[in-house]
Amino acid sequence: MTKSKFNGGQLSLIEDNIIYIQFDDELIVEKSHIDNLRISRIELIGSVKKFHAIIDLTNEVKLSLDAKSYIAHTEVDVRICDVIITNTNKHDIEAYLYKKFERPKNQVVFKKNLEEAITCIKDFEDNFQKKTE
């Protein structure tokens, strides 16, 4: 698994088009962290390759309002699907409110662990393949 550190966390390339994003513990994610993440992602897979993002929020990470809005509306041409991993009811509620009020342009799904997230993406890919055949 290829990994890349950025100011605020780490990216891991799980498969050709699946990126696992882990933020530093108890980080309040700002727009600048997302910009740094984007630079690391481009170094890892390039600027035009479409990808799925698995975003791990299990270590008490909080997203600022600016970061939420920025994430919801940027790079939607290359992000196929965001799978957000949550492990508390508080995170579940925050993730639900993000989806409801920010109205991200790409597909957003919530799962409880990395294994479920990867399975979800593979199912998404399989369903997409069947629709295009």
Foldseek 3Di string as FASTA:
>chain_A
DDKDAWVFFIWDPPDLAEIETEGPAQEADELVRVVRVLVRVCVVRRDQAAHEYEYECARNYHYDPRRLLCVLEPPPNRHAEYEYAYADVVVVVVVVVSCVPSVRPHHYHYDHDDVVVVVVVVVVVVVVVVVVD
